[in-house]
PDB file of N, CA and C in Angstrom:
ATOM      1  N   MET A   1       1.451  -0.816  -0.306  1.00  0.00           N
ATOM      2  CA  MET A   1       0.381   0.449   0.210  1.00  0.00           C
ATOM      3  C   MET A   1       0.632   1.194  -0.099  1.00  0.00           C
ATOM      4  N   SER A   2       0.628   1.857  -0.669  1.00  0.00           N
ATOM      5  CA  SER A   2       1.623   3.277  -1.173  1.00  0.00           C
ATOM      6  C   SER A   2       0.691   4.297  -0.006  1.00  0.00           C
ATOM      7  N   VAL A   3       1.235   5.405   0.665  1.00  0.00           N
ATOM      8  CA  VAL A   3       1.620   6.556   1.698  1.00  0.00           C
ATOM      9  C   VAL A   3       1.944   7.433   1.112  1.00  0.00           C
ATOM     10  N   PRO A   4       1.253   8.467   0.587  1.00  0.00           N
ATOM     11  CA  PRO A   4       1.430   9.724  -0.116  1.00  0.00           C
ATOM     12  C   PRO A   4       2.829  10.411   1.326  1.00  0.00           C
ATOM     13  N   GLU A   5       3.705  11.060   0.128  1.00  0.00           N
ATOM     14  CA  GLU A   5       4.215  11.793   0.708  1.00  0.00           C
ATOM     15  C   GLU A   5       4.277  13.390   1.689  1.00  0.00           C
ATOM     16  N   LEU A   6       4.212  13.536   1.987  1.00  0.00           N
ATOM     17  CA  LEU A   6       4.241  15.830   2.535  1.00  0.00           C
ATOM     18  C   LEU A   6       4.459  15.888   1.327  1.00  0.00           C
ATOM     19  N   THR A   7       3.647  17.167   1.303  1.00  0.00           N
ATOM     20  CA  THR A   7       4.447  17.668   0.342  1.00  0.00           C
ATOM     21  C   THR A   7       5.376  18.932   0.811  1.00  0.00           C
ATOM     22  N   ASP A   8       5.922  19.673   0.976  1.00  0.00           N
ATOM     23  CA  ASP A   8       7.167  20.883   1.138  1.00  0.00           C
ATOM     24  C   ASP A   8       5.661  21.649   2.151  1.00  0.00           C
ATOM     25  N   ALA A   9       4.867  22.210   1.990  1.00  0.00           N
ATOM     26  CA  ALA A   9       3.843  22.935   2.311  1.00  0.00           C
ATOM     27  C   ALA A   9       3.495  22.679   3.765  1.00  0.00           C
ATOM     28  N   GLU A  10       3.128  20.944   3.735  1.00  0.00           N
ATOM     29  CA  GLU A  10       2.327  20.171   4.426  1.00  0.00           C
ATOM     30  C   GLU A  10       3.771  19.514   5.293  1.00  0.00           C
ATOM     31  N   ARG A  11       5.229  19.913   4.894  1.00  0.00           N
ATOM     32  CA  ARG A  11       5.998  19.497   5.709  1.00  0.00           C
ATOM     33  C   ARG A  11       7.043  21.091   6.901  1.00  0.00           C
ATOM     34  N   ASP A  12       6.556  21.679   5.651  1.00  0.00           N
ATOM     35  CA  ASP A  12       6.714  22.955   7.094  1.00  0.00           C
ATOM     36  C   ASP A  12       6.165  23.106   8.226  1.00  0.00           C
ATOM     37  N   ALA A  13       4.387  22.959   7.404  1.00  0.00           N
ATOM     38  CA  ALA A  13       3.699  22.555   9.156  1.00  0.00           C
ATOM     39  C   ALA A  13       3.738  21.650  10.100  1.00  0.00           C
ATOM     40  N   LEU A  14       4.454  21.208   9.999  1.00  0.00           N
ATOM     41  CA  LEU A  14       4.888  19.437  10.273  1.00  0.00           C
ATOM     42  C   LEU A  14       5.798  20.094  11.454  1.00  0.00           C
ATOM     43  N   LEU A  15       6.516  20.963  10.704  1.00  0.00           N
ATOM     44  CA  LEU A  15       8.152  21.236  11.649  1.00  0.00           C
ATOM     45  C   LEU A  15       7.629  22.725  12.559  1.00  0.00           C
ATOM     46  N   ALA A  16       6.647  23.378  12.134  1.00  0.00           N
ATOM     47  CA  ALA A  16       6.294  24.505  12.521  1.00  0.00           C
ATOM     48  C   ALA A  16       5.286  23.372  14.448  1.00  0.00           C
ATOM     49  N   ALA A  17       4.708  22.970  14.052  1.00  0.00           N
ATOM     50  CA  ALA A  17       3.802  22.881  15.031  1.00  0.00           C
ATOM     51  C   ALA A  17       5.096  20.956  15.728  1.00  0.00           C
ATOM     52  N   HIS A  18       5.754  21.171  15.824  1.00  0.00           N
ATOM     53  CA  HIS A  18       7.227  20.563  16.155  1.00  0.00           C
ATOM     54  C   HIS A  18       8.463  20.491  16.330  1.00  0.00           C
ATOM     55  N   PRO A  19       8.162  22.375  16.999  1.00  0.00           N
ATOM     56  CA  PRO A  19      10.057  22.546  16.929  1.00  0.00           C
ATOM     57  C   PRO A  19      10.860  21.797  17.394  1.00  0.00           C
ATOM     58  N   GLU A  20      11.005  20.641  18.174  1.00  0.00           N
ATOM     59  CA  GLU A  20      11.875  20.205  19.071  1.00  0.00           C
ATOM     60  C   GLU A  20      12.620  18.946  17.958  1.00  0.00           C
ATOM     61  N   TRP A  21      11.761  19.059  17.013  1.00  0.00           N
ATOM     62  CA  TRP A  21      11.976  18.089  15.900  1.00  0.00           C
ATOM     63  C   TRP A  21      12.614  18.708  14.758  1.00  0.00           C
ATOM     64  N   SER A  22      13.890  17.997  14.184  1.00  0.00           N
ATOM     65  CA  SER A  22      13.859  18.717  13.090  1.00  0.00           C
ATOM     66  C   SER A  22      14.455  17.284  11.369  1.00  0.00           C
ATOM     67  N   LEU A  23      14.605  18.210  10.203  1.00  0.00           N
ATOM     68  CA  LEU A  23      14.762  17.337   9.635  1.00  0.00           C
ATOM     69  C   LEU A  23      15.785  17.019   9.457  1.00  0.00           C
ATOM     70  N   SER A  24      15.964  15.804   8.895  1.00  0.00           N
ATOM     71  CA  SER A  24      17.192  14.916   8.414  1.00  0.00           C
ATOM     72  C   SER A  24      17.438  14.001   7.068  1.00  0.00           C
ATOM     73  N   ARG A  25      18.097  13.300   6.763  1.00  0.00           N
ATOM     74  CA  ARG A  25      18.316  12.778   5.337  1.00  0.00           C
ATOM     75  C   ARG A  25      17.572  13.006   4.315  1.00  0.00           C
ATOM     76  N   GLU A  26      18.179  14.357   4.180  1.00  0.00           N
ATOM     77  CA  GLU A  26      17.842  14.958   2.921  1.00  0.00           C
ATOM     78  C   GLU A  26      16.490  15.643   3.027  1.00  0.00           C
ATOM     79  N   GLY A  27      15.681  15.980   4.485  1.00  0.00           N
ATOM     80  CA  GLY A  27      14.246  16.396   4.250  1.00  0.00           C
ATOM     81  C   GLY A  27      13.433  14.646   4.255  1.00  0.00           C
ATOM     82  N   LYS A  28      13.986  14.071   4.176  1.00  0.00           N
ATOM     83  CA  LYS A  28      13.000  12.402   3.995  1.00  0.00           C
ATOM     84  C   LYS A  28      12.617  12.026   5.369  1.00  0.00           C
ATOM     85  N   ALA A  29      13.078  12.629   6.555  1.00  0.00           N
ATOM     86  CA  ALA A  29      12.914  12.328   8.017  1.00  0.00           C
ATOM     87  C   ALA A  29      13.179  13.223   8.787  1.00  0.00           C
ATOM     88  N   ILE A  30      12.078  12.969  10.165  1.00  0.00           N
ATOM     89  CA  ILE A  30      12.336  14.193  11.355  1.00  0.00           C
ATOM     90  C   ILE A  30      12.606  13.335  12.557  1.00  0.00           C
ATOM     91  N   GLU A  31      13.694  14.089  13.140  1.00  0.00           N
ATOM     92  CA  GLU A  31      14.757  13.426  14.533  1.00  0.00           C
ATOM     93  C   GLU A  31      14.555  14.010  15.655  1.00  0.00           C
ATOM     94  N   ARG A  32      14.389  13.777  16.468  1.00  0.00           N
ATOM     95  CA  ARG A  32      14.177  14.275  17.194  1.00  0.00           C
ATOM     96  C   ARG A  32      14.910  13.693  18.682  1.00  0.00           C
ATOM     97  N   HIS A  33      16.133  13.976  19.818  1.00  0.00           N
ATOM     98  CA  HIS A  33      17.350  13.971  20.349  1.00  0.00           C
ATOM     99  C   HIS A  33      16.286  13.943  21.825  1.00  0.00           C
ATOM    100  N   PHE A  34      16.187  13.322  22.845  1.00  0.00           N
ATOM    101  CA  PHE A  34      15.787  13.321  24.073  1.00  0.00           C
ATOM    102  C   PHE A  34      17.107  12.885  25.140  1.00  0.00           C
ATOM    103  N   LYS A  35      17.000  13.772  26.442  1.00  0.00           N
ATOM    104  CA  LYS A  35      17.894  13.321  27.701  1.00  0.00           C
ATOM    105  C   LYS A  35      16.983  13.011  29.012  1.00  0.00           C
ATOM    106  N   PHE A  36      17.109  12.412  29.870  1.00  0.00           N
ATOM    107  CA  PHE A  36      16.809  12.038  30.799  1.00  0.00           C
ATOM    108  C   PHE A  36      17.620  11.338  32.030  1.00  0.00           C
ATOM    109  N   ALA A  37      17.162  11.589  32.914  1.00  0.00           N
ATOM    110  CA  ALA A  37      17.410  11.390  34.726  1.00  0.00           C
ATOM    111  C   ALA A  37      18.533  10.116  34.633  1.00  0.00           C
ATOM    112  N   ASN A  38      18.418   9.306  33.702  1.00  0.00           N
ATOM    113  CA  ASN A  38      18.969   7.981  33.660  1.00  0.00           C
ATOM    114  C   ASN A  38      18.940   6.556  32.894  1.00  0.00           C
ATOM    115  N   PHE A  39      19.160   5.417  33.031  1.00  0.00           N
ATOM    116  CA  PHE A  39      19.043   5.013  32.393  1.00  0.00           C
ATOM    117  C   PHE A  39      16.895   4.481  32.038  1.00  0.00           C
ATOM    118  N   SER A  40      17.069   4.185  33.236  1.00  0.00           N
ATOM    119  CA  SER A  40      15.496   3.671  34.109  1.00  0.00           C
ATOM    120  C   SER A  40      14.721   4.572  33.244  1.00  0.00           C
ATOM    121  N   GLU A  41      14.664   5.920  33.306  1.00  0.00           N
ATOM    122  CA  GLU A  41      13.835   6.689  32.692  1.00  0.00           C
ATOM    123  C   GLU A  41      13.619   6.643  30.360  1.00  0.00           C
ATOM    124  N   ALA A  42      14.830   7.075  30.392  1.00  0.00           N
ATOM    125  CA  ALA A  42      15.120   6.549  29.201  1.00  0.00           C
ATOM    126  C   ALA A  42      14.654   5.650  28.567  1.00  0.00           C
ATOM    127  N   TRP A  43      14.377   4.398  29.338  1.00  0.00           N
ATOM    128  CA  TRP A  43      13.746   2.579  29.434  1.00  0.00           C
ATOM    129  C   TRP A  43      12.311   3.065  28.921  1.00  0.00           C
ATOM    130  N   GLY A  44      12.384   3.434  30.493  1.00  0.00           N
ATOM    131  CA  GLY A  44      10.341   3.879  30.232  1.00  0.00           C
ATOM    132  C   GLY A  44      10.008   4.393  29.477  1.00  0.00           C
ATOM    133  N   PHE A  45      10.200   5.927  29.053  1.00  0.00           N
ATOM    134  CA  PHE A  45       9.850   6.190  27.743  1.00  0.00           C
ATOM    135  C   PHE A  45       9.746   5.965  26.167  1.00  0.00           C
ATOM    136  N   MET A  46      11.084   4.617  26.089  1.00  0.00           N
ATOM    137  CA  MET A  46      11.013   3.711  25.094  1.00  0.00           C
ATOM    138  C   MET A  46       9.862   2.751  24.664  1.00  0.00           C
ATOM    139  N   ASN A  47       9.667   2.356  26.502  1.00  0.00           N
ATOM    140  CA  ASN A  47       8.782   1.500  26.114  1.00  0.00           C
ATOM    141  C   ASN A  47       7.236   2.397  25.939  1.00  0.00           C
ATOM    142  N   ARG A  48       7.119   3.668  26.313  1.00  0.00           N
ATOM    143  CA  ARG A  48       5.547   4.155  26.146  1.00  0.00           C
ATOM    144  C   ARG A  48       5.649   4.466  24.638  1.00  0.00           C
ATOM    145  N   VAL A  49       6.812   4.302  24.542  1.00  0.00           N
ATOM    146  CA  VAL A  49       6.990   4.961  22.562  1.00  0.00           C
ATOM    147  C   VAL A  49       6.602   3.527  21.787  1.00  0.00           C
ATOM    148  N   ALA A  50       7.494   2.207  22.136  1.00  0.00           N
ATOM    149  CA  ALA A  50       6.723   1.094  21.269  1.00  0.00           C
ATOM    150  C   ALA A  50       5.437   1.077  21.470  1.00  0.00           C
ATOM    151  N   LEU A  51       5.017   0.978  22.387  1.00  0.00           N
ATOM    152  CA  LEU A  51       3.356   0.924  23.284  1.00  0.00           C
ATOM    153  C   LEU A  51       2.827   2.107  21.960  1.00  0.00           C
ATOM    154  N   LEU A  52       3.465   2.676  21.251  1.00  0.00           N
ATOM    155  CA  LEU A  52       2.658   4.053  20.913  1.00  0.00           C
ATOM    156  C   LEU A  52       2.205   3.343  19.518  1.00  0.00           C
ATOM    157  N   ALA A  53       3.665   2.713  19.267  1.00  0.00           N
ATOM    158  CA  ALA A  53       4.358   2.675  17.503  1.00  0.00           C
ATOM    159  C   ALA A  53       3.815   1.004  16.593  1.00  0.00           C
ATOM    160  N   GLU A  54       3.205   0.087  18.516  1.00  0.00           N
ATOM    161  CA  GLU A  54       1.957  -0.597  17.824  1.00  0.00           C
ATOM    162  C   GLU A  54       0.842  -0.391  17.142  1.00  0.00           C
ATOM    163  N   GLN A  55       0.253   0.654  18.597  1.00  0.00           N
ATOM    164  CA  GLN A  55      -0.970   1.189  18.233  1.00  0.00           C
ATOM    165  C   GLN A  55      -1.081   1.306  16.716  1.00  0.00           C
ATOM    166  N   GLN A  56      -0.247   2.382  16.852  1.00  0.00           N
ATOM    167  CA  GLN A  56      -0.280   3.016  14.764  1.00  0.00           C
ATOM    168  C   GLN A  56       0.058   2.328  14.042  1.00  0.00           C
ATOM    169  N   ASP A  57       0.807   1.018  14.202  1.00  0.00           N
ATOM    170  CA  ASP A  57       1.238   0.434  13.460  1.00  0.00           C
ATOM    171  C   ASP A  57       2.084   1.157  12.719  1.00  0.00           C
ATOM    172  N   HIS A  58       3.231   2.110  12.732  1.00  0.00           N
ATOM    173  CA  HIS A  58       4.102   3.249  12.677  1.00  0.00           C
ATOM    174  C   HIS A  58       5.595   3.684  13.545  1.00  0.00           C
ATOM    175  N   HIS A  59       6.414   2.927  12.965  1.00  0.00           N
ATOM    176  CA  HIS A  59       7.619   1.730  14.377  1.00  0.00           C
ATOM    177  C   HIS A  59       8.959   2.840  13.980  1.00  0.00           C
ATOM    178  N   PRO A  60       9.832   3.313  14.647  1.00  0.00           N
ATOM    179  CA  PRO A  60      10.395   4.104  14.579  1.00  0.00           C
ATOM    180  C   PRO A  60      11.697   3.898  14.750  1.00  0.00           C
ATOM    181  N   GLU A  61      13.191   4.308  14.131  1.00  0.00           N
ATOM    182  CA  GLU A  61      14.292   4.290  14.208  1.00  0.00           C
ATOM    183  C   GLU A  61      14.929   5.165  15.550  1.00  0.00           C
ATOM    184  N   TRP A  62      15.629   4.262  15.721  1.00  0.00           N
ATOM    185  CA  TRP A  62      16.198   4.911  17.453  1.00  0.00           C
ATOM    186  C   TRP A  62      17.210   4.475  17.932  1.00  0.00           C
ATOM    187  N   PHE A  63      18.329   4.826  19.147  1.00  0.00           N
ATOM    188  CA  PHE A  63      19.530   5.146  18.926  1.00  0.00           C
ATOM    189  C   PHE A  63      19.083   5.286  20.895  1.00  0.00           C
ATOM    190  N   ASN A  64      19.881   4.352  21.569  1.00  0.00           N
ATOM    191  CA  ASN A  64      20.052   4.770  23.282  1.00  0.00           C
ATOM    192  C   ASN A  64      21.065   4.112  23.207  1.00  0.00           C
ATOM    193  N   VAL A  65      21.479   5.411  24.508  1.00  0.00           N
ATOM    194  CA  VAL A  65      22.661   4.913  24.903  1.00  0.00           C
ATOM    195  C   VAL A  65      22.163   5.820  26.387  1.00  0.00           C
ATOM    196  N   TYR A  66      22.459   4.767  27.645  1.00  0.00           N
ATOM    197  CA  TYR A  66      22.176   5.546  28.849  1.00  0.00           C
ATOM    198  C   TYR A  66      20.880   5.896  28.769  1.00  0.00           C
ATOM    199  N   ASN A  67      21.031   7.286  29.179  1.00  0.00           N
ATOM    200  CA  ASN A  67      20.219   9.079  29.378  1.00  0.00           C
ATOM    201  C   ASN A  67      19.509   9.044  28.124  1.00  0.00           C
ATOM    202  N   ARG A  68      19.695   8.416  27.187  1.00  0.00           N
ATOM    203  CA  ARG A  68      20.210   9.536  25.847  1.00  0.00           C
ATOM    204  C   ARG A  68      18.898   8.295  24.697  1.00  0.00           C
ATOM    205  N   VAL A  69      18.147   9.014  23.840  1.00  0.00           N
ATOM    206  CA  VAL A  69      17.173   8.357  23.340  1.00  0.00           C
ATOM    207  C   VAL A  69      17.341   9.381  21.940  1.00  0.00           C
ATOM    208  N   GLU A  70      17.357   8.733  20.735  1.00  0.00           N
ATOM    209  CA  GLU A  70      17.339   9.256  19.620  1.00  0.00           C
ATOM    210  C   GLU A  70      16.492   8.800  18.910  1.00  0.00           C
ATOM    211  N   ILE A  71      14.923   9.558  18.388  1.00  0.00           N
ATOM    212  CA  ILE A  71      14.610   9.181  17.471  1.00  0.00           C
ATOM    213  C   ILE A  71      14.528   9.166  16.044  1.00  0.00           C
ATOM    214  N   THR A  72      14.177   8.559  15.272  1.00  0.00           N
ATOM    215  CA  THR A  72      14.133   8.909  13.322  1.00  0.00           C
ATOM    216  C   THR A  72      12.727   9.014  13.290  1.00  0.00           C
ATOM    217  N   LEU A  73      12.305   9.418  12.962  1.00  0.00           N
ATOM    218  CA  LEU A  73      10.555   8.575  11.692  1.00  0.00           C
ATOM    219  C   LEU A  73      10.535   9.461  10.459  1.00  0.00           C
ATOM    220  N   THR A  74      10.612   8.220   9.527  1.00  0.00           N
ATOM    221  CA  THR A  74      10.025   7.963   8.762  1.00  0.00           C
ATOM    222  C   THR A  74       9.162   7.265   8.065  1.00  0.00           C
ATOM    223  N   THR A  75       8.810   7.888   6.784  1.00  0.00           N
ATOM    224  CA  THR A  75       7.551   6.174   6.164  1.00  0.00           C
ATOM    225  C   THR A  75       8.501   5.739   5.184  1.00  0.00           C
ATOM    226  N   HIS A  76       9.079   4.539   4.793  1.00  0.00           N
ATOM    227  CA  HIS A  76       9.293   4.383   3.783  1.00  0.00           C
ATOM    228  C   HIS A  76       8.332   4.099   2.852  1.00  0.00           C
ATOM    229  N   ASP A  77       7.470   3.544   2.989  1.00  0.00           N
ATOM    230  CA  ASP A  77       6.136   3.242   2.092  1.00  0.00           C
ATOM    231  C   ASP A  77       5.692   4.812   1.479  1.00  0.00           C
ATOM    232  N   ALA A  78       6.268   5.902   1.405  1.00  0.00           N
ATOM    233  CA  ALA A  78       6.302   7.279   1.111  1.00  0.00           C
ATOM    234  C   ALA A  78       7.619   7.808   0.655  1.00  0.00           C
ATOM    235  N   ASN A  79       9.039   6.923   0.702  1.00  0.00           N
ATOM    236  CA  ASN A  79      10.165   7.845   0.454  1.00  0.00           C
ATOM    237  C   ASN A  79      10.206   8.560   1.269  1.00  0.00           C
ATOM    238  N   GLY A  80       9.820   9.114   2.226  1.00  0.00           N
ATOM    239  CA  GLY A  80       9.670  10.334   3.483  1.00  0.00           C
ATOM    240  C   GLY A  80       9.050  10.516   3.825  1.00  0.00           C
ATOM    241  N   LEU A  81       8.692  11.788   4.394  1.00  0.00           N
ATOM    242  CA  LEU A  81       7.589  11.788   5.200  1.00  0.00           C
ATOM    243  C   LEU A  81       6.352  12.207   4.761  1.00  0.00           C
ATOM    244  N   SER A  82       5.422  11.554   5.778  1.00  0.00           N
ATOM    245  CA  SER A  82       3.671  11.627   5.497  1.00  0.00           C
ATOM    246  C   SER A  82       3.006  11.596   7.265  1.00  0.00           C
ATOM    247  N   ALA A  83       1.989  11.611   6.706  1.00  0.00           N
ATOM    248  CA  ALA A  83       0.432  12.123   7.767  1.00  0.00           C
ATOM    249  C   ALA A  83       1.062  10.962   8.761  1.00  0.00           C
ATOM    250  N   ARG A  84       1.433   9.811   8.545  1.00  0.00           N
ATOM    251  CA  ARG A  84       2.194   8.911   9.720  1.00  0.00           C
ATOM    252  C   ARG A  84       3.004   9.284  10.900  1.00  0.00           C
ATOM    253  N   ASP A  85       4.406   9.503  10.123  1.00  0.00           N
ATOM    254  CA  ASP A  85       5.000  10.309  11.111  1.00  0.00           C
ATOM    255  C   ASP A  85       4.858  11.503  11.647  1.00  0.00           C
ATOM    256  N   GLU A  86       3.979  12.218  11.201  1.00  0.00           N
ATOM    257  CA  GLU A  86       3.230  13.422  11.971  1.00  0.00           C
ATOM    258  C   GLU A  86       2.389  13.269  12.872  1.00  0.00           C
ATOM    259  N   ALA A  87       1.294  12.277  13.324  1.00  0.00           N
ATOM    260  CA  ALA A  87       1.383  11.409  14.046  1.00  0.00           C
ATOM    261  C   ALA A  87       1.316  10.900  15.055  1.00  0.00           C
ATOM    262  N   MET A  88       2.554  10.202  14.777  1.00  0.00           N
ATOM    263  CA  MET A  88       4.065   9.613  15.632  1.00  0.00           C
ATOM    264  C   MET A  88       4.581  10.687  16.529  1.00  0.00           C
ATOM    265  N   ALA A  89       4.770  12.041  15.948  1.00  0.00           N
ATOM    266  CA  ALA A  89       5.704  12.862  16.713  1.00  0.00           C
ATOM    267  C   ALA A  89       4.618  13.278  17.175  1.00  0.00           C
ATOM    268  N   SER A  90       3.772  13.649  17.319  1.00  0.00           N
ATOM    269  CA  SER A  90       2.621  14.344  18.388  1.00  0.00           C
ATOM    270  C   SER A  90       2.658  13.074  19.348  1.00  0.00           C
ATOM    271  N   ALA A  91       1.813  12.069  18.672  1.00  0.00           N
ATOM    272  CA  ALA A  91       2.008  11.010  20.376  1.00  0.00           C
ATOM    273  C   ALA A  91       3.288  11.430  21.252  1.00  0.00           C
ATOM    274  N   ILE A  92       4.290  11.082  20.430  1.00  0.00           N
ATOM    275  CA  ILE A  92       5.366  11.223  21.509  1.00  0.00           C
ATOM    276  C   ILE A  92       5.899  12.710  22.325  1.00  0.00           C
ATOM    277  N   ASP A  93       5.491  13.774  21.577  1.00  0.00           N
ATOM    278  CA  ASP A  93       5.934  14.539  22.264  1.00  0.00           C
ATOM    279  C   ASP A  93       4.495  14.319  23.220  1.00  0.00           C
ATOM    280  N   ALA A  94       3.543  13.806  23.129  1.00  0.00           N
ATOM    281  CA  ALA A  94       2.085  14.351  24.786  1.00  0.00           C
ATOM    282  C   ALA A  94       3.216  13.052  25.874  1.00  0.00           C
ATOM    283  N   LEU A  95       3.787  12.657  25.214  1.00  0.00           N
ATOM    284  CA  LEU A  95       5.248  12.115  26.036  1.00  0.00           C
ATOM    285  C   LEU A  95       5.589  12.381  27.150  1.00  0.00           C
ATOM    286  N   VAL A  96       6.452  12.910  27.014  1.00  0.00           N
ATOM    287  CA  VAL A  96       7.380  14.123  27.518  1.00  0.00           C
ATOM    288  C   VAL A  96       6.773  15.678  27.706  1.00  0.00           C
TER     289      VAL A  96
END
């Protein structure tokens, strides 16, 4: 199933609505870096994001070391950003 890629205007609106996220991969993805008090807090956050990802059937790419979590969102079926990334960014932002 093909998912439509966001237009430039839609991508700009996504970034305006989520200023903590930044473009990466030549505009095909967004990423955000998080820092927590310790590993347990970072891991708890990742668990909550994992539950959201399962609910939305849209799974982030991420990296974790101790108290840091880096999340990248992109939609492979769209070959870039889609409304699915915007929904996931909103859900993640609501957790912090």
